[in-house]
Structures are given as structure tokens and as C-alpha cells.
Amino acid sequence: MIDTSVRLAGLKLENPFMTASGVLGSSSSLMIRALKAGAGAIVTKTFTPNPREGYEPPVVYSERCYTLNAIGLSNPGMEKIAETIKPILKMGAPVIVSVAGGSVEEFVEISVKAMNAGAHGIELNLSCPHVKGLGADLGSDPDMVYKVVRAVKDVVDIPVFAKLSPNVNDITGPGRAAVKGGADALVAINTVRGMVIDVELKAPVLTNIYGGVSGRAIHPIAVYMVFRLYTTFDVPIVGVGGVETWRDAVELMLAGATAVQVGTAIKNRGFKIFRSLIRGLKSYMKRHGYRSVEEIVGAAIRR
């Protein structure tokens, strides 16, 4: 009997595959489609206290092995959280609301708003690489990471995930601060800062000049970061970065991830990616004699 369900910071997922924040925008219908296609949980687009229009286009540039984006955290603001997630909650799967702010107080305010709207968990976006004053600017400071996580944990009674940035010297620094602050899980990683220049136009391809690299190119970085966190802290890890096949997902699990988020692959392959991941995971478990996903987590490290 093969059981693909996982327990993640007290939440039960029918399988370990989640949407990554931002990939489906703020569309409730797309998030519902992801669940119907097999996703075990939803992570919403990041909400900020006030609406944000984001950057002027072009905001996305894609090549075969990566995508570069600088959306600018466009979102309708925290007052739309309840309206956005209400229809998704009816599906029965965990709904985790991603939040970002420019101060401890803003993180607290929006996290309470998400909890009151019915969210099953909060993902603190401490790692957006291209919005000044938010995300990685805040998340690269361990003291601020601790203060944000601790303050949010003090006011909510649902799991709090800290999404960490790879754009630091050592991810265990912010990781340690998040764990000390009471984070129920760590999410690794967000996009990697990058830049592309059009050699004919002699200009950056994005309006914001630089952005965040996602997709296949960052997968080895994600695997390493998950490994570093798994071997340093005793909290669940959610792996994210360049997952296109079940092998990529299992690789993150073997490095220590309890669950895996999928982003760019949804854009490239559609919602069918979830069925493919589930089938591949089940086949792998059968071949290797695993009865539960828990047996896979960190198996490459525990030898």
C-alpha cells in the first residue's frame, strides 16, 4: 500500500505537491483548477497591505532552461484575501496565503487578515529579489527575519512558513533566525537574482533591469539549499526551484524536503504536471519499496 500523503507543520496534504506563490496570479479559478488537477495544496500569490500594480512591461523573459521575471509583486491588496480564497477553501485542500510587508507591523497586520479569512497557513515572503524594501531586502537581515516571524507567530494560531532567499552568503543565517522566531517550516528557495541584456538593443530585457531567475537552471541551487537547511535544523522543509519532472521533485525530497512547490513548470506544461508528478512519485516508491513519502525525505543524506 503506497501512501503519498504528507504531514506538513500540522497540515495534511493528499500528496506533497503544491503550487508556488505567484505562478497563478490572483485568480481563484486557476487555483481551483490546480487542485482539481491534483495539487495537494495551494500557495497564493503574495498579498501586500495595499494594492500594487507592479512594474511596467516587459516583466517576463523566457529561454529554454529559465525564466527571468520582475513582476513587482502586483496584487489586489490584503482586503481582497477573503474574496480570493473563499471559493478555494471549499475544495478542502490546505490553502496557504503568501504575505509580504515593509515592516514587522505590516507583516502582522496582513497575516491576521489572512488567518481571519480562513487560511490554513501563512507563507512569509522574505525573499522576493526585485522589490526594494520588501522580500530579500528584509529577509537578508537575520534580525529582521526573527522579528517578523516571532511577531506573526505571536498573533496567529495557524502554521507559519518562512520563504527564504538564495541571494545571501549563507541561507542558514536567515534560516536560524526564522527557526528561532518559531517558524513551523522553511521554504527554499525563491528566485535567484539575474539579468539579461538584449545585445542588439544594448539594453536590459526587463523594465526593472534585473529580476528573479526561475526554472530548470536554478534546480541544483534549490537542492543544495534544501540540503543545507535539512542538515542544520529540525523543522520541515518545502523545496521549490526548477521542478519539471517527478525526478526533480524526488531529488528535493531526498535532500530533505517534505513537500515540493511547482511554479515555472505549470506555465510551461499546464496543470497536467501534477498528475505526472503523482504518477512518477508512486512508480518510484513502488520500485524502491517505500510505503510513505516520509521514508524518502532526507534518504540521500541519512546514509
Protein backbone atom coordinates (compact mmCIF):
# COMPACT_ATOMS: atom_id res chain seq x y z
CA MET A 1 0.00 0.00 0.00
CA ILE A 2 1.57 3.29 -1.14
CA ASP A 3 0.61 6.45 0.74
CA THR A 4 1.51 9.73 -0.98
CA SER A 5 0.03 11.96 1.73
CA VAL A 6 2.28 14.10 3.91
CA ARG A 7 2.02 15.99 7.18
CA LEU A 8 3.48 19.45 6.87
CA ALA A 9 3.58 21.57 10.02
CA GLY A 10 0.29 20.02 11.15
CA LEU A 11 -1.40 20.29 7.75
CA LYS A 12 -2.36 17.15 5.85
CA LEU A 13 -1.74 17.12 2.10
CA GLU A 14 -3.01 14.28 -0.06
CA ASN A 15 0.28 14.48 -1.92
CA PRO A 16 3.43 16.60 -1.44
CA PHE A 17 2.95 18.83 -4.48
CA MET A 18 1.97 22.47 -4.01
CA THR A 19 1.70 25.50 -6.26
CA ALA A 20 4.47 28.04 -5.82
CA SER A 21 3.43 31.54 -4.90
CA GLY A 22 2.75 33.88 -7.80
CA VAL A 23 2.59 31.45 -10.69
CA LEU A 24 -1.24 31.55 -10.91
CA GLY A 25 -1.63 35.24 -10.17
CA SER A 26 -4.61 36.20 -8.03
CA SER A 27 -7.08 34.06 -9.96
CA SER A 28 -9.25 31.87 -7.74
CA SER A 29 -10.39 29.85 -10.74
CA LEU A 30 -6.83 28.93 -11.73
CA MET A 31 -6.01 27.85 -8.18
CA ILE A 32 -9.14 25.67 -8.15
CA ARG A 33 -8.05 24.15 -11.47
CA ALA A 34 -4.68 23.31 -9.93
CA LEU A 35 -6.40 21.45 -7.08
CA LYS A 36 -8.69 19.62 -9.48
CA ALA A 37 -5.60 18.62 -11.47
CA GLY A 38 -4.09 17.02 -8.39
CA ALA A 39 -2.18 19.66 -6.40
CA GLY A 40 -2.01 18.75 -2.73
CA ALA A 41 -2.12 22.36 -1.53
CA ILE A 42 -2.30 25.91 -2.83
CA VAL A 43 0.04 28.78 -2.06
CA THR A 44 -1.48 32.06 -3.20
CA LYS A 45 0.21 34.95 -4.92
CA THR A 46 1.86 37.26 -2.40
CA PHE A 47 -0.51 39.81 -0.89
CA THR A 48 0.73 43.15 0.44
CA PRO A 49 -1.15 45.56 2.75
CA ASN A 50 -2.09 47.85 -0.15
CA PRO A 51 -2.76 47.05 -3.82
CA ARG A 52 0.28 47.09 -6.09
CA GLU A 53 0.21 47.47 -9.85
CA GLY A 54 3.72 46.12 -10.26
CA TYR A 55 6.24 47.16 -12.89
CA GLU A 56 5.61 48.31 -16.41
CA PRO A 57 6.11 45.61 -19.05
CA PRO A 58 8.14 43.83 -20.15
CA VAL A 59 8.24 41.96 -16.86
CA VAL A 60 8.95 38.40 -18.05
CA TYR A 61 11.61 36.94 -20.33
CA SER A 62 11.96 33.22 -21.06
CA GLU A 63 14.59 30.95 -22.54
CA ARG A 64 14.66 27.16 -22.80
CA CYS A 65 16.08 26.48 -19.35
CA TYR A 66 14.98 29.51 -17.35
CA THR A 67 12.54 32.36 -16.91
CA LEU A 68 13.52 35.83 -15.72
CA ASN A 69 10.80 37.95 -14.16
CA ALA A 70 10.31 41.20 -12.29
CA ILE A 71 6.56 41.44 -11.82
CA GLY A 72 6.86 43.81 -8.88
CA LEU A 73 4.56 41.91 -6.51
CA SER A 74 1.44 43.10 -8.29
CA ASN A 75 -1.62 42.11 -6.24
CA PRO A 76 -5.03 43.49 -5.20
CA GLY A 77 -4.03 44.09 -1.58
CA MET A 78 -4.95 42.38 1.67
CA GLU A 79 -8.58 43.48 1.61
CA LYS A 80 -9.09 41.02 -1.26
CA ILE A 81 -7.67 37.98 0.54
CA ALA A 82 -11.01 36.69 1.82
CA GLU A 83 -12.69 37.16 -1.55
CA THR A 84 -9.84 35.39 -3.32
CA ILE A 85 -9.55 32.31 -1.13
CA LYS A 86 -13.20 31.75 -0.19
CA PRO A 87 -14.01 29.60 -3.26
CA ILE A 88 -10.69 27.75 -2.98
CA LEU A 89 -11.34 26.79 0.64
CA LYS A 90 -14.41 24.86 -0.49
CA MET A 91 -12.12 22.38 -2.26
CA GLY A 92 -10.94 21.04 1.09
CA ALA A 93 -7.18 21.17 0.50
CA PRO A 94 -4.85 23.39 2.53
CA VAL A 95 -4.70 26.99 1.35
CA ILE A 96 -1.57 28.90 2.37
CA VAL A 97 -1.59 32.65 1.89
CA SER A 98 1.68 34.31 0.93
CA VAL A 99 2.21 37.72 2.51
CA ALA A 100 4.80 40.49 2.34
CA GLY A 101 5.27 43.83 4.04
CA GLY A 102 7.80 46.57 4.52
CA SER A 103 7.79 46.36 8.32
CA VAL A 104 7.08 43.97 11.17
CA GLU A 105 3.76 45.71 11.74
CA GLU A 106 2.67 45.22 8.13
CA PHE A 107 3.52 41.52 8.21
CA VAL A 108 1.48 41.15 11.39
CA GLU A 109 -1.49 43.07 10.03
CA ILE A 110 -1.75 41.12 6.80
CA SER A 111 -1.10 37.75 8.48
CA VAL A 112 -4.01 38.33 10.86
CA LYS A 113 -6.16 39.32 7.89
CA ALA A 114 -5.25 36.06 6.11
CA MET A 115 -5.94 33.95 9.21
CA ASN A 116 -9.32 35.59 9.72
CA ALA A 117 -10.16 34.92 6.07
CA GLY A 118 -9.76 31.19 6.72
CA ALA A 119 -6.22 30.49 5.52
CA HIS A 120 -4.77 27.22 6.77
CA GLY A 121 -1.26 28.66 6.85
CA ILE A 122 0.85 31.76 6.22
CA GLU A 123 3.91 31.91 3.96
CA LEU A 124 6.07 34.89 4.83
CA ASN A 125 7.68 36.16 1.63
CA LEU A 126 11.09 37.13 2.99
CA SER A 127 12.82 36.65 -0.33
CA CYS A 128 11.38 38.49 -3.35
CA PRO A 129 14.57 39.57 -5.18
CA HIS A 130 13.38 42.60 -7.12
CA VAL A 131 11.20 44.88 -4.94
CA LYS A 132 13.08 47.42 -2.87
CA GLY A 133 12.19 47.40 0.82
CA LEU A 134 10.32 44.11 0.60
CA GLY A 135 11.30 40.47 0.34
CA ALA A 136 15.04 39.84 0.08
CA ASP A 137 15.92 43.34 1.30
CA LEU A 138 14.25 42.44 4.58
CA GLY A 139 14.95 38.71 4.52
CA SER A 140 18.72 39.12 4.20
CA ASP A 141 18.79 40.62 7.71
CA PRO A 142 18.54 37.76 10.25
CA ASP A 143 17.47 40.16 12.99
CA MET A 144 14.53 41.36 10.91
CA VAL A 145 13.65 37.78 9.94
CA TYR A 146 13.48 36.84 13.61
CA LYS A 147 11.36 39.87 14.48
CA VAL A 148 8.89 39.26 11.65
CA VAL A 149 8.47 35.55 12.31
CA ARG A 150 8.22 36.00 16.08
CA ALA A 151 5.69 38.82 15.80
CA VAL A 152 3.48 36.87 13.38
CA LYS A 153 3.71 33.70 15.47
CA ASP A 154 2.56 35.70 18.49
CA VAL A 155 -0.72 36.69 16.82
CA VAL A 156 -1.77 33.76 14.63
CA ASP A 157 -2.70 30.20 15.53
CA ILE A 158 -2.05 28.64 12.13
CA PRO A 159 1.29 27.37 10.74
CA VAL A 160 3.80 29.98 9.65
CA PHE A 161 6.23 29.19 6.81
CA ALA A 162 9.28 31.36 6.14
CA LYS A 163 10.26 31.54 2.48
CA LEU A 164 13.99 32.16 2.27
CA SER A 165 16.20 33.77 -0.33
CA PRO A 166 19.18 32.16 -2.10
CA ASN A 167 20.61 35.65 -2.59
CA VAL A 168 22.56 35.57 0.68
CA ASN A 169 26.02 34.38 1.67
CA ASP A 170 24.64 31.53 3.78
CA ILE A 171 20.96 30.56 3.84
CA THR A 172 21.32 29.07 7.31
CA GLY A 173 21.70 32.58 8.76
CA PRO A 174 18.16 33.72 7.93
CA GLY A 175 17.05 30.10 8.43
CA ARG A 176 18.33 30.08 12.01
CA ALA A 177 16.59 33.39 12.70
CA ALA A 178 13.31 32.05 11.31
CA VAL A 179 13.53 28.87 13.37
CA LYS A 180 14.40 30.85 16.49
CA GLY A 181 11.38 33.05 15.78
CA GLY A 182 9.14 29.97 15.75
CA ALA A 183 8.69 29.20 12.05
CA ASP A 184 6.79 25.95 11.57
CA ALA A 185 8.52 25.26 8.23
CA LEU A 186 11.14 26.75 5.92
CA VAL A 187 10.58 27.21 2.18
CA ALA A 188 13.62 27.15 -0.10
CA ILE A 189 14.14 28.79 -2.44
CA ASN A 190 12.79 31.93 -4.05
CA THR A 191 14.18 33.08 -7.38
CA VAL A 192 17.85 33.91 -7.92
CA ARG A 193 18.74 37.47 -8.91
CA GLY A 194 19.68 37.71 -12.56
CA MET A 195 19.82 39.98 -15.58
CA VAL A 196 19.58 39.58 -19.34
CA ILE A 197 20.70 42.15 -21.91
CA ASP A 198 19.46 42.33 -25.48
CA VAL A 199 22.72 42.64 -27.39
CA GLU A 200 21.08 44.23 -30.44
CA LEU A 201 19.16 46.85 -28.47
CA LYS A 202 22.03 47.15 -25.98
CA ALA A 203 19.52 47.31 -23.15
CA PRO A 204 18.18 45.08 -20.38
CA VAL A 205 15.20 42.99 -21.47
CA LEU A 206 13.20 43.89 -18.34
CA THR A 207 11.92 47.31 -17.40
CA ASN A 208 13.23 46.77 -13.89
CA ILE A 209 16.69 45.97 -15.34
CA TYR A 210 17.14 42.85 -13.17
CA GLY A 211 14.76 40.22 -11.87
CA GLY A 212 14.45 36.75 -10.44
CA VAL A 213 15.57 33.63 -12.31
CA SER A 214 13.31 30.58 -12.01
CA GLY A 215 13.01 27.31 -13.87
CA ARG A 216 15.33 24.41 -14.58
CA ALA A 217 18.51 26.47 -14.30
CA ILE A 218 18.13 27.02 -10.55
CA HIS A 219 17.25 23.45 -9.60
CA PRO A 220 20.72 22.39 -8.37
CA ILE A 221 20.81 25.54 -6.21
CA ALA A 222 17.46 24.62 -4.67
CA VAL A 223 18.62 21.06 -3.94
CA TYR A 224 21.73 22.35 -2.20
CA MET A 225 19.82 24.93 -0.16
CA VAL A 226 17.29 22.29 0.96
CA PHE A 227 20.17 20.03 1.97
CA ARG A 228 21.80 22.84 3.99
CA LEU A 229 18.59 23.60 5.86
CA TYR A 230 17.67 19.95 6.41
CA THR A 231 21.05 19.10 7.91
CA THR A 232 21.05 22.20 10.13
CA PHE A 233 17.51 22.50 11.52
CA ASP A 234 14.84 20.19 12.84
CA VAL A 235 11.86 21.73 11.07
CA PRO A 236 10.06 20.66 7.88
CA ILE A 237 11.48 21.98 4.62
CA VAL A 238 9.47 22.81 1.49
CA GLY A 239 11.61 22.58 -1.63
CA VAL A 240 11.00 24.78 -4.66
CA GLY A 241 13.03 25.61 -7.73
CA GLY A 242 13.19 24.12 -11.21
CA VAL A 243 10.83 21.19 -10.68
CA GLU A 244 9.81 19.96 -14.13
CA THR A 245 9.63 16.19 -13.60
CA TRP A 246 8.98 13.71 -10.82
CA ARG A 247 12.74 13.10 -10.68
CA ASP A 248 13.32 16.75 -9.80
CA ALA A 249 10.71 16.53 -7.05
CA VAL A 250 12.12 13.29 -5.62
CA GLU A 251 15.60 14.82 -5.69
CA LEU A 252 14.40 17.63 -3.43
CA MET A 253 12.75 15.10 -1.12
CA LEU A 254 15.91 13.00 -0.93
CA ALA A 255 17.76 16.20 0.04
CA GLY A 256 15.30 16.80 2.88
CA ALA A 257 12.09 18.36 1.55
CA THR A 258 8.81 17.13 3.00
CA ALA A 259 6.81 18.89 0.28
CA VAL A 260 7.61 20.42 -3.11
CA GLN A 261 6.28 23.56 -4.77
CA VAL A 262 5.88 23.83 -8.54
CA GLY A 263 5.99 27.12 -10.41
CA THR A 264 7.51 27.62 -13.86
CA ALA A 265 6.56 24.09 -14.95
CA ILE A 266 2.87 24.99 -14.62
CA LYS A 267 3.44 27.84 -17.05
CA ASN A 268 5.36 25.58 -19.44
CA ARG A 269 3.37 22.34 -19.20
CA GLY A 270 -0.01 23.29 -17.78
CA PHE A 271 -1.85 21.71 -14.87
CA LYS A 272 -1.18 18.19 -16.18
CA ILE A 273 2.19 18.49 -14.43
CA PHE A 274 0.54 17.49 -11.14
CA ARG A 275 -0.80 14.15 -12.41
CA SER A 276 2.58 13.46 -13.97
CA LEU A 277 4.37 14.19 -10.69
CA ILE A 278 2.00 11.96 -8.71
CA ARG A 279 2.32 9.07 -11.16
CA GLY A 280 6.08 9.33 -11.19
CA LEU A 281 6.28 9.51 -7.41
CA LYS A 282 4.10 6.43 -6.99
CA SER A 283 6.15 4.48 -9.51
CA TYR A 284 9.39 5.48 -7.78
CA MET A 285 8.02 4.49 -4.36
CA LYS A 286 6.91 1.11 -5.68
CA ARG A 287 10.30 0.38 -7.29
CA HIS A 288 12.23 1.30 -4.16
CA GLY A 289 9.89 -0.27 -1.65
CA TYR A 290 8.75 2.96 0.00
CA ARG A 291 5.32 2.89 1.61
CA SER A 292 5.22 6.56 2.62
CA VAL A 293 6.72 9.81 1.40
CA GLU A 294 8.22 10.30 4.85
CA GLU A 295 10.62 7.43 4.14
CA ILE A 296 12.06 9.34 1.17
CA VAL A 297 12.65 12.63 2.98
CA GLY A 298 16.39 13.05 3.55
CA ALA A 299 17.15 9.48 2.48
CA ALA A 300 20.16 10.57 0.43
CA ILE A 301 21.57 12.36 3.46
CA ARG A 302 20.90 9.75 6.16
CA ARG A 303 23.25 7.12 4.71
